[in-house]
């Protein structure tokens, strides 16, 4: 009986010794630290680069499973990071003047790499987040993309409107514009429309390829008047297409995007 007890004690001793000899498992390191924004306006008012790293505002609409919202917002960030790396765009405007003036065509076409966006998802680092009854919003940086210019935004007027809305900053080597749109019901639509408005100006400013055509003709109806159809087209390949700040007017009617980009020298 004593021998049996000794064997049991020896076995326990060896088991404890074996466990002690295993390397201690280190706790998993968390690679991202985030802060929670107090409001959506505070989250999107300053999207300037952090330590030369571009940051992007990612948005997800409200879903039944709220845990999935951040994943969708992260994908939105990765898509913007892909466009930041390289964006080919063409803008076409066709107008008719004489009689009743009208825009016959106002269209912008963009080309970027969605497959590259998929690879960037795992490189998204969430810095700030905010969630309300309409969805989830994040500000995130993305590694594996070119660095961004350091920018200092101006102050605000008494009514809270940022200085850049009427006087955008000058950034050497970059084209800088402000996109404006009437705010729609969904924030994502407001963002997309304001960004496209800024992109149109950037393409027209780039001078990479701008064509203007006019067709004048006399039209006989009640009397004779001149009708002019004009066509304008601008296209360019851009890099570092980046939104530095967003703003909603005090009355909530207008939405603004401060956007920078540069012509891709490799094209």
C-alpha atoms as a PDB file:
ATOM      1  CA  UNK A   1       0.000   0.000   0.000  1.00  0.00           C
ATOM      2  CA  UNK A   2       2.910   2.335   0.833  1.00  0.00           C
ATOM      3  CA  UNK A   3       4.527   1.527  -2.530  1.00  0.00           C
ATOM      4  CA  UNK A   4       1.279   2.456  -4.303  1.00  0.00           C
ATOM      5  CA  UNK A   5       1.124   5.820  -2.525  1.00  0.00           C
ATOM      6  CA  UNK A   6       4.750   6.504  -3.411  1.00  0.00           C
ATOM      7  CA  UNK A   7       4.018   5.760  -7.078  1.00  0.00           C
ATOM      8  CA  UNK A   8       1.058   8.079  -7.132  1.00  0.00           C
ATOM      9  CA  UNK A   9       3.058  10.883  -5.493  1.00  0.00           C
ATOM     10  CA  UNK A  10       5.918  10.383  -7.949  1.00  0.00           C
ATOM     11  CA  UNK A  11       3.524  10.555 -10.901  1.00  0.00           C
ATOM     12  CA  UNK A  12       1.969  13.773  -9.676  1.00  0.00           C
ATOM     13  CA  UNK A  13       5.436  15.251  -9.176  1.00  0.00           C
ATOM     14  CA  UNK A  14       6.470  14.393 -12.727  1.00  0.00           C
ATOM     15  CA  UNK A  15       3.221  15.799 -14.120  1.00  0.00           C
ATOM     16  CA  UNK A  16       3.734  19.115 -12.320  1.00  0.00           C
ATOM     17  CA  UNK A  17       7.360  19.207 -13.418  1.00  0.00           C
ATOM     18  CA  UNK A  18       6.338  18.598 -17.039  1.00  0.00           C
ATOM     19  CA  UNK A  19       3.796  21.399 -16.977  1.00  0.00           C
ATOM     20  CA  UNK A  20       6.335  23.786 -15.482  1.00  0.00           C
ATOM     21  CA  UNK A  21       8.819  22.993 -18.231  1.00  0.00           C
ATOM     22  CA  UNK A  22       6.387  24.111 -20.991  1.00  0.00           C
ATOM     23  CA  UNK A  23       7.043  27.646 -22.300  1.00  0.00           C
ATOM     24  CA  UNK A  24       4.686  30.193 -20.791  1.00  0.00           C
ATOM     25  CA  UNK A  25       2.058  31.290 -23.297  1.00  0.00           C
ATOM     26  CA  UNK A  26       2.220  35.019 -23.882  1.00  0.00           C
ATOM     27  CA  UNK A  27      -1.015  36.960 -24.076  1.00  0.00           C
ATOM     28  CA  UNK A  28      -1.993  37.963 -27.605  1.00  0.00           C
ATOM     29  CA  UNK A  29      -0.889  41.475 -28.419  1.00  0.00           C
ATOM     30  CA  UNK A  30      -3.621  43.809 -29.599  1.00  0.00           C
ATOM     31  CA  UNK A  31      -2.311  45.757 -32.583  1.00  0.00           C
ATOM     32  CA  UNK A  32      -4.849  48.537 -32.510  1.00  0.00           C
ATOM     33  CA  UNK A  33      -6.043  50.997 -29.917  1.00  0.00           C
ATOM     34  CA  UNK A  34      -9.164  52.967 -30.604  1.00  0.00           C
ATOM     35  CA  UNK A  35     -11.113  55.781 -29.055  1.00  0.00           C
ATOM     36  CA  UNK A  36     -14.870  56.232 -29.175  1.00  0.00           C
ATOM     37  CA  UNK A  37     -15.988  59.496 -30.755  1.00  0.00           C
ATOM     38  CA  UNK A  38     -18.577  61.611 -28.981  1.00  0.00           C
ATOM     39  CA  UNK A  39     -20.450  62.348 -32.237  1.00  0.00           C
ATOM     40  CA  UNK A  40     -20.353  61.581 -35.928  1.00  0.00           C
ATOM     41  CA  UNK A  41     -19.453  65.196 -36.722  1.00  0.00           C
ATOM     42  CA  UNK A  42     -16.407  65.041 -34.466  1.00  0.00           C
ATOM     43  CA  UNK A  43     -15.384  61.748 -36.075  1.00  0.00           C
ATOM     44  CA  UNK A  44     -15.405  63.024 -39.658  1.00  0.00           C
ATOM     45  CA  UNK A  45     -14.335  66.654 -39.124  1.00  0.00           C
ATOM     46  CA  UNK A  46     -10.614  65.838 -39.172  1.00  0.00           C
ATOM     47  CA  UNK A  47      -9.385  63.062 -41.478  1.00  0.00           C
ATOM     48  CA  UNK A  48      -5.882  64.454 -41.913  1.00  0.00           C
ATOM     49  CA  UNK A  49      -3.046  61.886 -42.026  1.00  0.00           C
ATOM     50  CA  UNK A  50      -1.675  60.514 -38.757  1.00  0.00           C
ATOM     51  CA  UNK A  51       2.136  60.395 -38.793  1.00  0.00           C
ATOM     52  CA  UNK A  52       2.080  60.484 -42.623  1.00  0.00           C
ATOM     53  CA  UNK A  53      -0.414  57.610 -42.719  1.00  0.00           C
ATOM     54  CA  UNK A  54      -3.624  58.334 -44.651  1.00  0.00           C
ATOM     55  CA  UNK A  55      -6.859  57.698 -42.784  1.00  0.00           C
ATOM     56  CA  UNK A  56     -10.316  56.988 -44.170  1.00  0.00           C
ATOM     57  CA  UNK A  57     -13.890  57.201 -42.916  1.00  0.00           C
ATOM     58  CA  UNK A  58     -15.609  53.826 -43.204  1.00  0.00           C
ATOM     59  CA  UNK A  59     -19.380  53.573 -43.027  1.00  0.00           C
ATOM     60  CA  UNK A  60     -21.794  50.694 -42.624  1.00  0.00           C
ATOM     61  CA  UNK A  61     -25.587  51.036 -42.668  1.00  0.00           C
ATOM     62  CA  UNK A  62     -27.605  49.551 -39.822  1.00  0.00           C
ATOM     63  CA  UNK A  63     -27.786  45.757 -40.042  1.00  0.00           C
ATOM     64  CA  UNK A  64     -29.765  43.174 -38.123  1.00  0.00           C
ATOM     65  CA  UNK A  65     -26.492  41.764 -36.773  1.00  0.00           C
ATOM     66  CA  UNK A  66     -24.669  44.809 -35.452  1.00  0.00           C
ATOM     67  CA  UNK A  67     -21.407  42.865 -35.095  1.00  0.00           C
ATOM     68  CA  UNK A  68     -21.217  42.696 -38.891  1.00  0.00           C
ATOM     69  CA  UNK A  69     -21.359  46.463 -39.267  1.00  0.00           C
ATOM     70  CA  UNK A  70     -17.711  47.040 -38.411  1.00  0.00           C
ATOM     71  CA  UNK A  71     -16.614  44.414 -40.955  1.00  0.00           C
ATOM     72  CA  UNK A  72     -18.553  46.254 -43.648  1.00  0.00           C
ATOM     73  CA  UNK A  73     -17.095  49.607 -42.532  1.00  0.00           C
ATOM     74  CA  UNK A  74     -13.597  48.096 -42.707  1.00  0.00           C
ATOM     75  CA  UNK A  75     -14.261  46.942 -46.277  1.00  0.00           C
ATOM     76  CA  UNK A  76     -15.398  50.474 -47.135  1.00  0.00           C
ATOM     77  CA  UNK A  77     -12.063  51.759 -45.800  1.00  0.00           C
ATOM     78  CA  UNK A  78     -10.119  49.205 -47.859  1.00  0.00           C
ATOM     79  CA  UNK A  79     -11.979  50.267 -51.018  1.00  0.00           C
ATOM     80  CA  UNK A  80     -11.019  53.890 -50.428  1.00  0.00           C
ATOM     81  CA  UNK A  81      -7.418  52.853 -49.807  1.00  0.00           C
ATOM     82  CA  UNK A  82      -7.390  51.089 -53.179  1.00  0.00           C
ATOM     83  CA  UNK A  83      -8.651  54.245 -54.885  1.00  0.00           C
ATOM     84  CA  UNK A  84      -6.058  56.249 -52.961  1.00  0.00           C
ATOM     85  CA  UNK A  85      -3.305  54.117 -54.474  1.00  0.00           C
ATOM     86  CA  UNK A  86      -4.538  54.489 -58.067  1.00  0.00           C
ATOM     87  CA  UNK A  87      -7.696  55.935 -59.551  1.00  0.00           C
ATOM     88  CA  UNK A  88      -8.409  56.381 -63.258  1.00  0.00           C
ATOM     89  CA  UNK A  89     -11.342  58.692 -63.916  1.00  0.00           C
ATOM     90  CA  UNK A  90     -13.145  60.359 -66.811  1.00  0.00           C
ATOM     91  CA  UNK A  91     -15.653  63.182 -66.606  1.00  0.00           C
ATOM     92  CA  UNK A  92     -18.065  64.121 -69.400  1.00  0.00           C
ATOM     93  CA  UNK A  93     -20.379  67.116 -69.513  1.00  0.00           C
ATOM     94  CA  UNK A  94     -22.724  67.866 -72.412  1.00  0.00           C
ATOM     95  CA  UNK A  95     -24.835  71.021 -72.252  1.00  0.00           C
ATOM     96  CA  UNK A  96     -27.393  72.681 -74.461  1.00  0.00           C
ATOM     97  CA  UNK A  97     -27.764  76.470 -74.522  1.00  0.00           C
ATOM     98  CA  UNK A  98     -30.424  78.425 -76.340  1.00  0.00           C
ATOM     99  CA  UNK A  99     -34.117  78.231 -75.752  1.00  0.00           C
ATOM    100  CA  UNK A 100     -34.209  76.245 -72.552  1.00  0.00           C
ATOM    101  CA  UNK A 101     -30.711  75.590 -71.235  1.00  0.00           C
ATOM    102  CA  UNK A 102     -30.151  72.077 -69.973  1.00  0.00           C
ATOM    103  CA  UNK A 103     -27.456  69.594 -69.057  1.00  0.00           C
ATOM    104  CA  UNK A 104     -27.884  66.631 -71.368  1.00  0.00           C
ATOM    105  CA  UNK A 105     -25.149  64.569 -69.710  1.00  0.00           C
ATOM    106  CA  UNK A 106     -23.190  64.997 -66.491  1.00  0.00           C
ATOM    107  CA  UNK A 107     -21.321  61.772 -65.885  1.00  0.00           C
ATOM    108  CA  UNK A 108     -18.198  60.540 -64.170  1.00  0.00           C
ATOM    109  CA  UNK A 109     -16.654  57.088 -64.646  1.00  0.00           C
ATOM    110  CA  UNK A 110     -13.996  55.689 -62.308  1.00  0.00           C
ATOM    111  CA  UNK A 111     -11.739  52.654 -62.538  1.00  0.00           C
ATOM    112  CA  UNK A 112      -9.948  51.180 -59.521  1.00  0.00           C
ATOM    113  CA  UNK A 113      -8.940  47.713 -58.307  1.00  0.00           C
ATOM    114  CA  UNK A 114     -11.538  46.005 -56.054  1.00  0.00           C
ATOM    115  CA  UNK A 115      -9.351  42.882 -55.807  1.00  0.00           C
ATOM    116  CA  UNK A 116      -6.579  44.973 -54.277  1.00  0.00           C
ATOM    117  CA  UNK A 117      -9.116  46.336 -51.784  1.00  0.00           C
ATOM    118  CA  UNK A 118      -9.835  42.777 -50.645  1.00  0.00           C
ATOM    119  CA  UNK A 119      -6.147  42.255 -49.850  1.00  0.00           C
ATOM    120  CA  UNK A 120      -6.005  45.503 -47.868  1.00  0.00           C
ATOM    121  CA  UNK A 121      -8.776  44.484 -45.463  1.00  0.00           C
ATOM    122  CA  UNK A 122      -6.331  42.697 -43.145  1.00  0.00           C
ATOM    123  CA  UNK A 123      -4.128  45.823 -43.025  1.00  0.00           C
ATOM    124  CA  UNK A 124      -6.874  48.134 -41.729  1.00  0.00           C
ATOM    125  CA  UNK A 125      -6.220  49.584 -38.263  1.00  0.00           C
ATOM    126  CA  UNK A 126      -9.256  51.112 -36.573  1.00  0.00           C
ATOM    127  CA  UNK A 127      -8.387  54.325 -34.722  1.00  0.00           C
ATOM    128  CA  UNK A 128     -11.800  55.713 -33.813  1.00  0.00           C
ATOM    129  CA  UNK A 129     -15.341  54.437 -33.927  1.00  0.00           C
ATOM    130  CA  UNK A 130     -18.888  55.647 -33.464  1.00  0.00           C
ATOM    131  CA  UNK A 131     -22.216  53.852 -33.586  1.00  0.00           C
ATOM    132  CA  UNK A 132     -25.778  55.139 -33.658  1.00  0.00           C
ATOM    133  CA  UNK A 133     -29.229  53.936 -34.684  1.00  0.00           C
ATOM    134  CA  UNK A 134     -28.338  54.330 -38.389  1.00  0.00           C
ATOM    135  CA  UNK A 135     -25.092  52.375 -38.502  1.00  0.00           C
ATOM    136  CA  UNK A 136     -21.414  52.124 -37.573  1.00  0.00           C
ATOM    137  CA  UNK A 137     -18.674  54.578 -38.512  1.00  0.00           C
ATOM    138  CA  UNK A 138     -14.908  54.198 -38.145  1.00  0.00           C
ATOM    139  CA  UNK A 139     -11.783  56.187 -38.860  1.00  0.00           C
ATOM    140  CA  UNK A 140      -8.989  53.829 -39.829  1.00  0.00           C
ATOM    141  CA  UNK A 141      -5.457  53.830 -41.176  1.00  0.00           C
ATOM    142  CA  UNK A 142      -4.195  51.337 -43.744  1.00  0.00           C
ATOM    143  CA  UNK A 143      -0.663  50.059 -44.061  1.00  0.00           C
ATOM    144  CA  UNK A 144       0.771  48.954 -47.420  1.00  0.00           C
ATOM    145  CA  UNK A 145      -0.238  52.226 -49.120  1.00  0.00           C
ATOM    146  CA  UNK A 146       1.898  55.299 -49.935  1.00  0.00           C
ATOM    147  CA  UNK A 147       2.366  57.976 -47.244  1.00  0.00           C
ATOM    148  CA  UNK A 148       0.172  61.074 -47.289  1.00  0.00           C
ATOM    149  CA  UNK A 149       1.068  64.774 -47.008  1.00  0.00           C
ATOM    150  CA  UNK A 150       0.969  66.439 -43.610  1.00  0.00           C
ATOM    151  CA  UNK A 151      -1.761  69.077 -43.562  1.00  0.00           C
ATOM    152  CA  UNK A 152      -2.892  71.651 -41.037  1.00  0.00           C
ATOM    153  CA  UNK A 153      -6.565  72.549 -41.269  1.00  0.00           C
ATOM    154  CA  UNK A 154      -7.606  76.105 -40.455  1.00  0.00           C
ATOM    155  CA  UNK A 155     -10.012  77.122 -37.754  1.00  0.00           C
ATOM    156  CA  UNK A 156     -13.760  77.657 -37.885  1.00  0.00           C
ATOM    157  CA  UNK A 157     -15.978  80.693 -38.257  1.00  0.00           C
ATOM    158  CA  UNK A 158     -18.394  81.770 -35.552  1.00  0.00           C
ATOM    159  CA  UNK A 159     -21.154  79.642 -37.025  1.00  0.00           C
ATOM    160  CA  UNK A 160     -18.911  76.569 -36.767  1.00  0.00           C
ATOM    161  CA  UNK A 161     -18.226  76.331 -40.504  1.00  0.00           C
ATOM    162  CA  UNK A 162     -14.621  75.243 -41.131  1.00  0.00           C
ATOM    163  CA  UNK A 163     -12.339  77.715 -42.867  1.00  0.00           C
ATOM    164  CA  UNK A 164     -11.553  75.202 -45.627  1.00  0.00           C
ATOM    165  CA  UNK A 165     -15.148  75.231 -46.933  1.00  0.00           C
ATOM    166  CA  UNK A 166     -14.526  78.626 -48.566  1.00  0.00           C
ATOM    167  CA  UNK A 167     -10.734  78.709 -48.510  1.00  0.00           C
ATOM    168  CA  UNK A 168      -9.135  75.274 -48.998  1.00  0.00           C
ATOM    169  CA  UNK A 169      -5.459  74.978 -47.999  1.00  0.00           C
ATOM    170  CA  UNK A 170      -2.664  75.018 -50.566  1.00  0.00           C
ATOM    171  CA  UNK A 171      -0.619  71.812 -50.570  1.00  0.00           C
ATOM    172  CA  UNK A 172       2.514  71.791 -52.778  1.00  0.00           C
ATOM    173  CA  UNK A 173       2.325  69.122 -55.476  1.00  0.00           C
ATOM    174  CA  UNK A 174      -1.366  68.397 -54.894  1.00  0.00           C
ATOM    175  CA  UNK A 175      -4.644  69.498 -56.432  1.00  0.00           C
ATOM    176  CA  UNK A 176      -7.075  70.595 -53.716  1.00  0.00           C
ATOM    177  CA  UNK A 177     -10.841  71.032 -54.144  1.00  0.00           C
ATOM    178  CA  UNK A 178     -14.024  71.130 -52.093  1.00  0.00           C
ATOM    179  CA  UNK A 179     -16.964  68.961 -53.195  1.00  0.00           C
ATOM    180  CA  UNK A 180     -20.479  70.125 -52.338  1.00  0.00           C
ATOM    181  CA  UNK A 181     -23.859  68.420 -52.488  1.00  0.00           C
ATOM    182  CA  UNK A 182     -27.309  68.586 -50.977  1.00  0.00           C
ATOM    183  CA  UNK A 183     -27.352  66.134 -48.116  1.00  0.00           C
ATOM    184  CA  UNK A 184     -29.407  63.025 -48.817  1.00  0.00           C
ATOM    185  CA  UNK A 185     -31.161  60.774 -46.334  1.00  0.00           C
ATOM    186  CA  UNK A 186     -28.275  58.313 -46.229  1.00  0.00           C
ATOM    187  CA  UNK A 187     -24.862  59.617 -45.163  1.00  0.00           C
ATOM    188  CA  UNK A 188     -23.046  57.223 -47.509  1.00  0.00           C
ATOM    189  CA  UNK A 189     -24.857  58.770 -50.501  1.00  0.00           C
ATOM    190  CA  UNK A 190     -23.923  62.278 -49.338  1.00  0.00           C
ATOM    191  CA  UNK A 191     -20.290  61.258 -49.049  1.00  0.00           C
ATOM    192  CA  UNK A 192     -20.169  59.616 -52.472  1.00  0.00           C
ATOM    193  CA  UNK A 193     -21.844  62.577 -54.211  1.00  0.00           C
ATOM    194  CA  UNK A 194     -19.663  65.208 -52.530  1.00  0.00           C
ATOM    195  CA  UNK A 195     -16.523  63.202 -53.327  1.00  0.00           C
ATOM    196  CA  UNK A 196     -17.566  62.903 -56.979  1.00  0.00           C
ATOM    197  CA  UNK A 197     -18.179  66.645 -57.161  1.00  0.00           C
ATOM    198  CA  UNK A 198     -14.634  67.235 -55.893  1.00  0.00           C
ATOM    199  CA  UNK A 199     -13.267  64.636 -58.321  1.00  0.00           C
ATOM    200  CA  UNK A 200     -14.839  66.485 -61.269  1.00  0.00           C
ATOM    201  CA  UNK A 201     -12.972  69.666 -60.307  1.00  0.00           C
ATOM    202  CA  UNK A 202      -9.726  67.762 -59.833  1.00  0.00           C
ATOM    203  CA  UNK A 203     -10.010  66.256 -63.315  1.00  0.00           C
ATOM    204  CA  UNK A 204     -10.694  69.660 -64.860  1.00  0.00           C
ATOM    205  CA  UNK A 205      -7.766  71.159 -62.961  1.00  0.00           C
ATOM    206  CA  UNK A 206      -5.365  68.336 -63.792  1.00  0.00           C
ATOM    207  CA  UNK A 207      -5.085  69.259 -67.461  1.00  0.00           C
ATOM    208  CA  UNK A 208      -4.176  65.687 -68.305  1.00  0.00           C
ATOM    209  CA  UNK A 209      -6.760  65.490 -71.056  1.00  0.00           C
ATOM    210  CA  UNK A 210      -9.425  68.147 -71.481  1.00  0.00           C
ATOM    211  CA  UNK A 211     -11.509  68.583 -74.631  1.00  0.00           C
ATOM    212  CA  UNK A 212     -14.147  71.183 -75.337  1.00  0.00           C
ATOM    213  CA  UNK A 213     -16.385  70.912 -78.386  1.00  0.00           C
ATOM    214  CA  UNK A 214     -19.176  73.221 -79.551  1.00  0.00           C
ATOM    215  CA  UNK A 215     -21.840  72.797 -82.189  1.00  0.00           C
ATOM    216  CA  UNK A 216     -23.734  75.968 -83.069  1.00  0.00           C
ATOM    217  CA  UNK A 217     -26.879  75.915 -85.169  1.00  0.00           C
ATOM    218  CA  UNK A 218     -29.836  78.138 -86.027  1.00  0.00           C
ATOM    219  CA  UNK A 219     -33.223  76.692 -85.176  1.00  0.00           C
ATOM    220  CA  UNK A 220     -36.410  77.907 -86.852  1.00  0.00           C
ATOM    221  CA  UNK A 221     -39.450  77.872 -84.662  1.00  0.00           C
ATOM    222  CA  UNK A 222     -41.255  81.090 -83.842  1.00  0.00           C
ATOM    223  CA  UNK A 223     -38.522  83.294 -85.201  1.00  0.00           C
ATOM    224  CA  UNK A 224     -34.880  82.174 -85.322  1.00  0.00           C
ATOM    225  CA  UNK A 225     -32.535  81.600 -82.406  1.00  0.00           C
ATOM    226  CA  UNK A 226     -29.128  80.063 -81.977  1.00  0.00           C
ATOM    227  CA  UNK A 227     -28.735  76.770 -80.163  1.00  0.00           C
ATOM    228  CA  UNK A 228     -25.327  75.634 -78.910  1.00  0.00           C
ATOM    229  CA  UNK A 229     -24.459  72.148 -77.788  1.00  0.00           C
ATOM    230  CA  UNK A 230     -21.173  71.944 -75.931  1.00  0.00           C
ATOM    231  CA  UNK A 231     -19.255  68.893 -74.798  1.00  0.00           C
ATOM    232  CA  UNK A 232     -16.451  68.833 -72.271  1.00  0.00           C
ATOM    233  CA  UNK A 233     -14.390  65.814 -71.330  1.00  0.00           C
ATOM    234  CA  UNK A 234     -11.554  65.456 -68.840  1.00  0.00           C
ATOM    235  CA  UNK A 235      -9.663  62.340 -67.834  1.00  0.00           C
ATOM    236  CA  UNK A 236      -6.625  61.515 -65.737  1.00  0.00           C
ATOM    237  CA  UNK A 237      -4.986  58.814 -63.661  1.00  0.00           C
ATOM    238  CA  UNK A 238      -4.669  60.012 -60.085  1.00  0.00           C
ATOM    239  CA  UNK A 239      -2.820  58.865 -57.008  1.00  0.00           C
ATOM    240  CA  UNK A 240      -3.315  59.817 -53.357  1.00  0.00           C
ATOM    241  CA  UNK A 241      -6.980  60.735 -53.843  1.00  0.00           C
ATOM    242  CA  UNK A 242      -7.794  61.493 -50.225  1.00  0.00           C
ATOM    243  CA  UNK A 243     -10.536  63.208 -48.233  1.00  0.00           C
ATOM    244  CA  UNK A 244      -9.026  65.364 -45.486  1.00  0.00           C
ATOM    245  CA  UNK A 245     -12.244  66.471 -43.781  1.00  0.00           C
ATOM    246  CA  UNK A 246     -16.024  66.390 -44.074  1.00  0.00           C
ATOM    247  CA  UNK A 247     -18.630  68.853 -42.874  1.00  0.00           C
ATOM    248  CA  UNK A 248     -22.399  69.229 -42.726  1.00  0.00           C
ATOM    249  CA  UNK A 249     -23.835  72.753 -42.782  1.00  0.00           C
ATOM    250  CA  UNK A 250     -25.528  74.081 -39.654  1.00  0.00           C
ATOM    251  CA  UNK A 251     -28.974  73.702 -41.212  1.00  0.00           C
ATOM    252  CA  UNK A 252     -28.158  70.127 -42.277  1.00  0.00           C
ATOM    253  CA  UNK A 253     -28.866  70.807 -45.948  1.00  0.00           C
ATOM    254  CA  UNK A 254     -25.376  70.725 -47.452  1.00  0.00           C
ATOM    255  CA  UNK A 255     -22.505  68.313 -47.249  1.00  0.00           C
ATOM    256  CA  UNK A 256     -18.865  69.182 -47.999  1.00  0.00           C
ATOM    257  CA  UNK A 257     -15.728  67.138 -48.690  1.00  0.00           C
ATOM    258  CA  UNK A 258     -12.194  68.561 -48.684  1.00  0.00           C
ATOM    259  CA  UNK A 259     -10.287  66.434 -51.199  1.00  0.00           C
ATOM    260  CA  UNK A 260      -6.692  66.282 -52.449  1.00  0.00           C
ATOM    261  CA  UNK A 261      -5.048  64.254 -55.222  1.00  0.00           C
ATOM    262  CA  UNK A 262      -2.120  64.345 -57.596  1.00  0.00           C
ATOM    263  CA  UNK A 263      -1.643  63.221 -61.137  1.00  0.00           C
ATOM    264  CA  UNK A 264       0.114  59.875 -61.298  1.00  0.00           C
ATOM    265  CA  UNK A 265       3.587  60.654 -62.737  1.00  0.00           C
ATOM    266  CA  UNK A 266       3.916  57.096 -63.958  1.00  0.00           C
ATOM    267  CA  UNK A 267       1.063  57.465 -66.434  1.00  0.00           C
END
